[in-house]
Protein backbone atom coordinates (compact mmCIF):
# COMPACT_ATOMS: atom_id res chain seq x y z
CA UNK A 1 -0.01 -0.04 0.02
CA UNK A 2 1.25 3.45 -0.88
CA UNK A 3 2.28 5.73 1.91
CA UNK A 4 0.97 9.32 2.01
CA UNK A 5 3.81 11.81 1.72
CA UNK A 6 1.90 14.94 2.11
CA UNK A 7 -1.01 17.04 0.98
CA UNK A 8 -1.92 20.43 -0.18
CA UNK A 9 -5.04 22.29 0.66
CA UNK A 10 -7.13 23.39 -2.33
CA UNK A 11 -10.75 23.98 -3.20
CA UNK A 12 -13.27 22.44 -5.63
CA UNK A 13 -14.90 24.50 -8.42
CA UNK A 14 -17.76 25.42 -5.91
CA UNK A 15 -15.23 26.75 -3.22
CA UNK A 16 -15.47 23.85 -0.82
CA UNK A 17 -12.43 22.99 1.12
CA UNK A 18 -10.58 20.02 -0.36
CA UNK A 19 -7.10 18.65 -0.57
CA UNK A 20 -4.66 16.99 -2.98
CA UNK A 21 -2.66 14.11 -1.61
CA UNK A 22 0.64 12.82 -2.81
CA UNK A 23 1.56 9.12 -2.36
CA UNK A 24 4.69 7.12 -3.18
CA UNK A 25 4.60 3.54 -4.07
CA UNK A 26 7.77 1.74 -5.04
CA UNK A 27 9.20 4.00 -7.80
CA UNK A 28 6.08 5.84 -8.72
CA UNK A 29 4.20 9.01 -7.41
CA UNK A 30 0.46 9.06 -7.19
CA UNK A 31 -1.28 12.55 -7.11
CA UNK A 32 -4.89 12.23 -5.69
CA UNK A 33 -7.36 15.14 -6.48
CA UNK A 34 -10.59 15.70 -4.64
CA UNK A 35 -13.05 12.90 -5.33
CA UNK A 36 -15.22 13.57 -8.35
CA UNK A 37 -14.03 17.03 -8.77
CA UNK A 38 -11.38 19.36 -9.97
CA UNK A 39 -8.87 21.00 -7.71
CA UNK A 40 -8.55 24.81 -7.74
CA UNK A 41 -5.28 26.04 -6.26
CA UNK A 42 -4.02 29.50 -5.49
CA UNK A 43 -0.51 30.50 -6.52
CA UNK A 44 0.73 29.78 -2.95
CA UNK A 45 -0.95 26.27 -2.97
CA UNK A 46 0.61 25.63 -6.37
CA UNK A 47 3.99 26.46 -5.02
CA UNK A 48 3.34 24.09 -2.01
CA UNK A 49 2.43 21.35 -4.49
CA UNK A 50 5.55 21.99 -6.62
CA UNK A 51 7.68 21.84 -3.46
CA UNK A 52 6.07 18.55 -2.22
CA UNK A 53 6.38 16.93 -5.65
CA UNK A 54 10.12 18.07 -5.77
CA UNK A 55 10.78 16.56 -2.37
CA UNK A 56 9.14 13.33 -3.19
CA UNK A 57 11.05 13.14 -6.66
CA UNK A 58 14.38 13.56 -4.88
CA UNK A 59 13.54 10.90 -2.13
CA UNK A 60 15.57 7.65 -2.05
CA UNK A 61 12.48 5.62 -2.58
CA UNK A 62 12.36 7.00 -6.25
CA UNK A 63 15.94 6.80 -6.97
CA UNK A 64 15.82 3.59 -9.26
CA UNK A 65 18.21 4.97 -11.91
CA UNK A 66 21.06 2.87 -13.09
CA UNK A 67 24.66 4.09 -12.36
CA UNK A 68 24.60 5.92 -15.71
CA UNK A 69 21.65 8.11 -14.75
CA UNK A 70 18.99 6.55 -17.08
CA UNK A 71 15.61 5.56 -15.55
């Protein structure tokens, strides 16, 4: 089972509070948006999501490249 790495507050198109969750499983990242809805993010929330995805992308769990750097 994937472990949650973090989440970012957002809203759905109707302004209701929601969140996007980032999971890591093996060498893959799963970004889960609000159920049945789109996610509306402010500029600050977008930066938070970018930072979270960057942290996850550089985690040892995703470092499955061979010694020559190809995935």
